[in-house]
């Protein structure tokens, strides 16, 4: 069975006005400085570090801009465990798990004066999906026994929407929550499926991810409970990592494998457009937004020695800077249950 890799809902993970401007000025991620991962964001091609200089940390969510202030979510390692957090500019706010085990935040939304984050914490036996309203944690329901994850969040007129997946003991089940009420989505009914990203427009919930047919992962998005399949190469795994929409058109980003490498791409409706890394090594699409009438996709590619963060305006690639030696990525969280 193919392993499922899923991401936070980059760009457009929320539904309030501030989230609609997310991504117009930057991408979040990390770079490795030879000793640790340093969380950062890029505005255009200018990198701003937001770590504390001590802990390995990763910003794993879209940027949500409120005025000129960026909000991002992720985690840092305190030497014993991962700690969920969000950043308002360079100021970090820790989010509570159970105090003893790993936790992580996958996405952030801002509504009024409140910051909302989605993610998980581990209670020592399983991962529990949750969202934080400020620093108040609200647990969400999986099956109560197995791992589950909230990978995206939106807040519309005070209603909190989260999306992700849970394990029922035999497979991963895609779902979204309205408040704490869970709504299951359909893959092929027999194999793993998961939601990586969401947007909410009015009362319509759009979610995106992939499902396994037993042989490969198939990229898709759901409008409410209705699933639309997308095309990879038809033989190998493909992933949707991000979703947005304008009018009646849904835009998604991700990547697919062609037997030798991962190829970044975006879909307009169901029409796929491939993007270029170095042409030889793996490359990944992790974010999509619409800006200035153009589709902008964020991601990373491997040049044979390291991962290089980048974004594509249409199909034109712009590289971004890490430390020039080590890996750097526009990143989305990846967990393997």
Protein backbone atom coordinates (compact mmCIF):
# COMPACT_ATOMS: atom_id res chain seq x y z
CA UNK A 1 0.00 0.00 0.00
CA UNK A 2 1.35 3.41 -0.92
CA UNK A 3 2.31 5.65 1.98
CA UNK A 4 0.20 8.75 2.27
CA UNK A 5 1.94 12.09 2.53
CA UNK A 6 -0.31 15.04 3.29
CA UNK A 7 0.07 18.72 3.78
CA UNK A 8 -1.42 21.74 5.34
CA UNK A 9 -3.83 23.79 3.30
CA UNK A 10 -1.42 26.28 1.83
CA UNK A 11 -2.87 29.52 0.49
CA UNK A 12 -6.57 29.79 0.86
CA UNK A 13 -6.84 27.53 3.86
CA UNK A 14 -9.29 29.94 5.42
CA UNK A 15 -12.44 31.71 4.47
CA UNK A 16 -12.33 35.18 6.01
CA UNK A 17 -11.10 38.25 4.18
CA UNK A 18 -7.62 38.20 5.72
CA UNK A 19 -7.03 34.67 4.46
CA UNK A 20 -8.05 35.62 0.94
CA UNK A 21 -4.97 37.84 0.82
CA UNK A 22 -2.73 35.03 2.09
CA UNK A 23 0.20 34.31 -0.16
CA UNK A 24 0.11 37.52 -2.17
CA UNK A 25 3.38 38.61 -0.60
CA UNK A 26 5.18 35.48 0.43
CA UNK A 27 5.73 31.82 1.20
CA UNK A 28 6.68 30.15 4.48
CA UNK A 29 9.05 27.28 5.17
CA UNK A 30 12.51 26.65 6.54
CA UNK A 31 16.13 26.34 5.64
CA UNK A 32 18.85 24.20 7.22
CA UNK A 33 21.87 26.15 8.47
CA UNK A 34 24.11 23.11 8.92
CA UNK A 35 23.01 22.56 12.51
CA UNK A 36 19.25 23.06 12.66
CA UNK A 37 16.15 23.94 10.69
CA UNK A 38 15.43 27.66 10.77
CA UNK A 39 11.82 28.77 10.17
CA UNK A 40 11.42 31.64 7.74
CA UNK A 41 9.28 33.27 5.13
CA UNK A 42 10.10 34.84 1.80
CA UNK A 43 8.52 38.11 0.66
CA UNK A 44 9.29 38.16 -3.02
CA UNK A 45 12.86 36.86 -2.89
CA UNK A 46 13.70 38.42 0.50
CA UNK A 47 14.02 35.90 3.33
CA UNK A 48 12.99 36.74 6.91
CA UNK A 49 14.05 34.35 9.68
CA UNK A 50 11.59 33.82 12.56
CA UNK A 51 13.38 31.24 14.71
CA UNK A 52 14.81 31.80 18.18
CA UNK A 53 18.32 30.83 17.10
CA UNK A 54 18.36 27.83 19.43
CA UNK A 55 15.69 25.30 18.49
CA UNK A 56 15.08 23.50 15.24
CA UNK A 57 11.78 24.86 13.99
CA UNK A 58 9.63 24.74 10.86
CA UNK A 59 6.88 27.04 9.59
CA UNK A 60 4.54 24.57 7.93
CA UNK A 61 1.52 26.65 7.02
CA UNK A 62 0.43 29.33 4.60
CA UNK A 63 1.13 32.89 5.53
CA UNK A 64 -2.00 34.74 6.57
CA UNK A 65 -1.50 38.49 6.29
CA UNK A 66 -3.33 40.90 8.55
CA UNK A 67 -2.27 44.28 7.30
CA UNK A 68 1.51 44.01 7.09
CA UNK A 69 1.78 41.34 9.80
CA UNK A 70 2.31 37.72 8.70
CA UNK A 71 0.88 34.80 10.72
CA UNK A 72 2.27 31.28 10.31
CA UNK A 73 1.94 27.98 12.17
CA UNK A 74 4.27 25.06 12.72
CA UNK A 75 6.36 23.55 15.48
CA UNK A 76 9.70 23.70 17.21
CA UNK A 77 11.67 21.03 19.03
CA UNK A 78 12.38 21.81 22.70
CA UNK A 79 14.98 19.05 22.94
CA UNK A 80 12.51 16.41 24.07
CA UNK A 81 9.45 16.81 21.82
CA UNK A 82 7.84 18.79 19.07
CA UNK A 83 5.80 21.77 20.33
CA UNK A 84 2.96 23.25 18.27
CA UNK A 85 3.13 27.01 17.81
CA UNK A 86 2.25 29.94 15.64
CA UNK A 87 4.19 33.08 14.80
CA UNK A 88 2.83 36.62 14.56
CA UNK A 89 5.69 38.18 12.69
CA UNK A 90 8.72 36.96 14.63
CA UNK A 91 6.81 36.49 17.90
CA UNK A 92 6.12 32.85 18.72
CA UNK A 93 3.13 31.64 20.72
CA UNK A 94 3.25 28.06 22.01
CA UNK A 95 0.12 25.91 21.78
CA UNK A 96 -0.70 23.26 24.39
CA UNK A 97 -0.67 19.54 23.73
CA UNK A 98 -0.62 17.11 26.64
CA UNK A 99 2.69 18.55 27.88
CA UNK A 100 4.64 15.33 27.46
CA UNK A 101 4.39 14.26 23.81
CA UNK A 102 4.76 15.69 20.32
CA UNK A 103 2.36 18.24 18.90
CA UNK A 104 2.33 20.31 15.74
CA UNK A 105 0.30 23.02 14.05
CA UNK A 106 -0.47 22.74 10.36
CA UNK A 107 -2.37 25.89 9.41
CA UNK A 108 -3.53 29.21 10.79
CA UNK A 109 -6.53 31.50 10.30
CA UNK A 110 -7.29 34.92 11.72
CA UNK A 111 -10.83 36.13 12.40
CA UNK A 112 -11.30 39.47 14.09
CA UNK A 113 -8.70 39.63 16.85
CA UNK A 114 -8.46 35.85 17.32
CA UNK A 115 -5.85 33.50 15.90
CA UNK A 116 -6.97 29.96 15.11
CA UNK A 117 -4.60 27.07 14.40
CA UNK A 118 -5.16 23.45 13.35
CA UNK A 119 -3.02 20.42 14.05
CA UNK A 120 -2.62 17.55 16.44
CA UNK A 121 -1.10 16.42 19.68
CA UNK A 122 -0.08 12.96 20.82
CA UNK A 123 -1.41 11.61 24.12
CA UNK A 124 1.15 8.79 24.29
CA UNK A 125 -1.00 6.28 22.44
CA UNK A 126 -2.36 8.15 19.42
CA UNK A 127 -2.40 11.45 17.56
CA UNK A 128 -5.50 13.53 18.38
CA UNK A 129 -6.75 16.15 15.90
CA UNK A 130 -7.51 19.57 17.33
CA UNK A 131 -7.71 23.26 16.74
CA UNK A 132 -6.62 26.07 18.99
CA UNK A 133 -8.65 29.25 19.51
CA UNK A 134 -5.85 31.49 20.67
CA UNK A 135 -4.14 29.06 23.07
CA UNK A 136 -7.34 27.20 24.04
CA UNK A 137 -7.31 23.72 22.58
CA UNK A 138 -10.46 22.09 21.17
CA UNK A 139 -10.16 18.36 20.51
CA UNK A 140 -11.79 16.82 17.45
CA UNK A 141 -13.06 13.29 16.99
CA UNK A 142 -11.45 10.56 14.95
CA UNK A 143 -12.59 7.04 15.82
CA UNK A 144 -11.38 7.49 19.41
CA UNK A 145 -8.76 4.77 19.17
CA UNK A 146 -6.44 5.48 16.27
CA UNK A 147 -4.38 8.38 14.93
CA UNK A 148 -6.07 11.40 13.39
CA UNK A 149 -4.95 14.77 12.03
CA UNK A 150 -6.42 18.22 11.38
CA UNK A 151 -4.36 19.49 8.45
CA UNK A 152 -6.24 22.67 7.47
CA UNK A 153 -8.45 25.35 9.01
CA UNK A 154 -10.86 28.08 7.93
CA UNK A 155 -12.99 30.49 9.94
CA UNK A 156 -16.04 32.00 8.28
CA UNK A 157 -18.27 34.42 10.22
CA UNK A 158 -17.10 32.87 13.49
CA UNK A 159 -17.66 29.24 12.44
CA UNK A 160 -14.53 27.11 12.60
CA UNK A 161 -13.94 24.56 9.83
CA UNK A 162 -11.09 22.06 9.96
CA UNK A 163 -10.18 19.22 7.64
CA UNK A 164 -7.89 16.21 7.66
CA UNK A 165 -8.20 12.50 8.20
CA UNK A 166 -8.41 9.74 10.76
CA UNK A 167 -7.53 6.07 10.89
CA UNK A 168 -10.34 3.59 11.52
CA UNK A 169 -7.82 0.81 12.19
CA UNK A 170 -7.74 -0.45 8.60
CA UNK A 171 -7.45 2.70 6.48
CA UNK A 172 -7.23 6.49 6.60
CA UNK A 173 -10.60 8.21 6.17
CA UNK A 174 -10.76 11.79 4.78
CA UNK A 175 -13.01 14.20 6.61
CA UNK A 176 -13.77 17.75 7.64
CA UNK A 177 -15.23 19.15 10.84
CA UNK A 178 -17.69 22.02 11.24
CA UNK A 179 -17.08 23.06 14.81
CA UNK A 180 -16.55 19.60 16.31
CA UNK A 181 -19.07 17.82 14.04
CA UNK A 182 -17.22 15.44 11.72
CA UNK A 183 -18.21 14.85 8.08
CA UNK A 184 -16.56 11.86 6.38
CA UNK A 185 -15.57 11.97 2.71
CA UNK A 186 -15.19 9.12 0.26
CA UNK A 187 -12.12 7.65 -1.38
CA UNK A 188 -12.62 4.27 -3.00
CA UNK A 189 -14.11 2.96 0.25
CA UNK A 190 -11.46 0.33 0.80
CA UNK A 191 -8.10 2.11 0.90
CA UNK A 192 -6.39 5.13 2.45
CA UNK A 193 -7.56 8.66 1.65
CA UNK A 194 -6.86 12.00 3.30
CA UNK A 195 -7.53 15.72 3.03
CA UNK A 196 -4.54 18.02 2.77
CA UNK A 197 -6.11 21.44 2.16
CA UNK A 198 -9.42 23.30 2.30
CA UNK A 199 -11.19 26.53 1.55
CA UNK A 200 -14.70 27.61 2.48
CA UNK A 201 -16.66 29.95 0.25
CA UNK A 202 -20.00 30.93 1.73
CA UNK A 203 -21.21 27.65 3.15
CA UNK A 204 -19.53 25.45 0.52
CA UNK A 205 -16.58 23.44 1.79
CA UNK A 206 -13.89 22.59 -0.76
CA UNK A 207 -11.29 20.02 0.33
CA UNK A 208 -8.40 18.49 -1.56
CA UNK A 209 -6.14 15.49 -1.14
CA UNK A 210 -5.56 12.04 -2.54
CA UNK A 211 -6.93 8.54 -2.22
CA UNK A 212 -5.50 5.11 -2.92
CA UNK A 213 -7.14 2.66 -5.31
CA UNK A 214 -4.93 -0.12 -3.95
CA UNK A 215 -2.22 0.40 -6.54
CA UNK A 216 -1.54 4.14 -6.61
CA UNK A 217 -2.59 7.44 -5.06
CA UNK A 218 -5.09 9.45 -7.10
CA UNK A 219 -5.25 13.26 -6.66
CA UNK A 220 -8.69 14.73 -6.12
CA UNK A 221 -10.81 17.44 -4.57
CA UNK A 222 -14.23 17.36 -2.96
CA UNK A 223 -16.97 19.98 -3.34
CA UNK A 224 -19.00 19.22 -0.25
CA UNK A 225 -19.12 15.42 -0.42
CA UNK A 226 -18.80 15.19 -4.23
CA UNK A 227 -15.36 14.00 -5.35
CA UNK A 228 -13.59 15.11 -8.54
CA UNK A 229 -10.59 13.03 -9.63
CA UNK A 230 -7.52 14.65 -11.18
CA UNK A 231 -4.85 13.20 -13.45
CA UNK A 232 -1.27 12.24 -12.67
CA UNK A 233 0.46 10.00 -15.19
CA UNK A 234 -2.17 7.31 -14.66
CA UNK A 235 0.27 4.77 -13.26
CA UNK A 236 2.14 6.29 -10.33
CA UNK A 237 1.27 8.17 -7.14
CA UNK A 238 0.01 11.74 -7.35
CA UNK A 239 -0.84 14.24 -4.62
CA UNK A 240 -2.90 17.40 -4.24
CA UNK A 241 -1.39 19.62 -1.56
CA UNK A 242 -3.28 22.90 -1.96
CA UNK A 243 -6.60 24.29 -3.17
CA UNK A 244 -8.12 27.65 -3.96
CA UNK A 245 -11.04 28.82 -6.10
CA UNK A 246 -12.22 31.84 -8.02
CA UNK A 247 -15.79 32.07 -9.21
CA UNK A 248 -16.77 28.58 -10.32
CA UNK A 249 -13.21 27.46 -11.11
CA UNK A 250 -11.25 25.33 -8.65
CA UNK A 251 -7.44 25.50 -8.72
CA UNK A 252 -5.25 22.87 -7.07
CA UNK A 253 -1.51 22.27 -6.83
CA UNK A 254 0.61 19.25 -6.08
CA UNK A 255 2.91 16.79 -7.78
CA UNK A 256 2.93 13.39 -9.43
CA UNK A 257 5.51 10.69 -10.15
CA UNK A 258 6.50 9.53 -13.63
CA UNK A 259 8.50 6.42 -12.56
CA UNK A 260 11.78 8.35 -12.18
CA UNK A 261 10.95 11.58 -10.37
CA UNK A 262 8.29 13.80 -8.81
CA UNK A 263 6.91 16.49 -11.14
CA UNK A 264 5.25 19.64 -9.72
CA UNK A 265 2.02 20.77 -11.32
CA UNK A 266 -1.22 22.63 -10.90
CA UNK A 267 -4.71 21.83 -12.13
CA UNK A 268 -7.24 24.36 -13.45
CA UNK A 269 -10.42 22.43 -12.91
CA UNK A 270 -9.24 19.02 -14.16
CA UNK A 271 -6.67 20.35 -16.67
CA UNK A 272 -3.09 19.73 -15.53
CA UNK A 273 -0.14 22.07 -16.17
CA UNK A 274 3.33 20.71 -15.44
CA UNK A 275 6.03 22.86 -13.84
CA UNK A 276 9.80 22.54 -14.11
CA UNK A 277 12.45 21.77 -11.52
CA UNK A 278 15.88 20.96 -12.90
CA UNK A 279 14.39 18.34 -15.21
CA UNK A 280 16.24 15.44 -13.62
CA UNK A 281 15.44 15.34 -9.92
CA UNK A 282 12.34 15.47 -7.74
CA UNK A 283 10.33 18.68 -7.56
CA UNK A 284 7.18 19.45 -5.59
CA UNK A 285 4.24 21.84 -5.74
CA UNK A 286 3.01 22.76 -2.26
CA UNK A 287 1.05 26.01 -2.62
CA UNK A 288 -1.29 27.76 -5.02
CA UNK A 289 -2.76 31.25 -5.14
CA UNK A 290 -4.09 33.68 -7.72
CA UNK A 291 -2.37 37.04 -7.92
CA UNK A 292 -2.50 39.75 -10.55
CA UNK A 293 -4.54 37.54 -12.83
CA UNK A 294 -1.91 34.80 -12.76
CA UNK A 295 -1.57 31.43 -11.06
CA UNK A 296 1.33 31.38 -8.59
CA UNK A 297 2.55 28.01 -7.28
CA UNK A 298 5.07 27.60 -4.47
CA UNK A 299 7.26 24.57 -3.92
CA UNK A 300 10.77 23.18 -4.00
CA UNK A 301 13.05 21.22 -6.30
CA UNK A 302 16.15 19.07 -5.87
CA UNK A 303 19.22 20.13 -7.85
CA UNK A 304 21.04 16.88 -7.07
CA UNK A 305 22.72 18.15 -3.91
CA UNK A 306 20.01 20.05 -2.02
CA UNK A 307 16.40 21.19 -2.03
CA UNK A 308 15.83 24.71 -3.36
CA UNK A 309 12.66 26.67 -2.51
CA UNK A 310 10.97 28.38 -5.43
CA UNK A 311 7.74 29.66 -6.87
CA UNK A 312 6.31 29.59 -10.36
CA UNK A 313 4.38 32.51 -11.88
CA UNK A 314 2.46 30.65 -14.52
CA UNK A 315 5.26 28.28 -15.56
CA UNK A 316 8.17 30.70 -14.96
CA UNK A 317 10.25 29.63 -11.96
CA UNK A 318 11.87 32.01 -9.44
CA UNK A 319 14.36 30.48 -7.01
CA UNK A 320 14.56 31.52 -3.36
CA UNK A 321 17.52 31.47 -0.98
CA UNK A 322 18.35 29.30 2.00
CA UNK A 323 21.95 29.25 3.23
CA UNK A 324 23.16 28.27 -0.25
CA UNK A 325 24.58 24.95 0.90
CA UNK A 326 21.87 22.98 2.68
CA UNK A 327 18.23 22.07 2.08
CA UNK A 328 15.56 24.75 2.11
CA UNK A 329 11.89 24.30 1.36
CA UNK A 330 8.54 25.94 1.03
CA UNK A 331 7.07 23.23 3.16
CA UNK A 332 3.87 21.55 4.21
CA UNK A 333 3.74 19.13 7.13
CA UNK A 334 4.16 15.45 6.44
CA UNK A 335 3.12 12.70 8.80
CA UNK A 336 3.12 8.99 8.15
CA UNK A 337 0.79 6.93 10.31
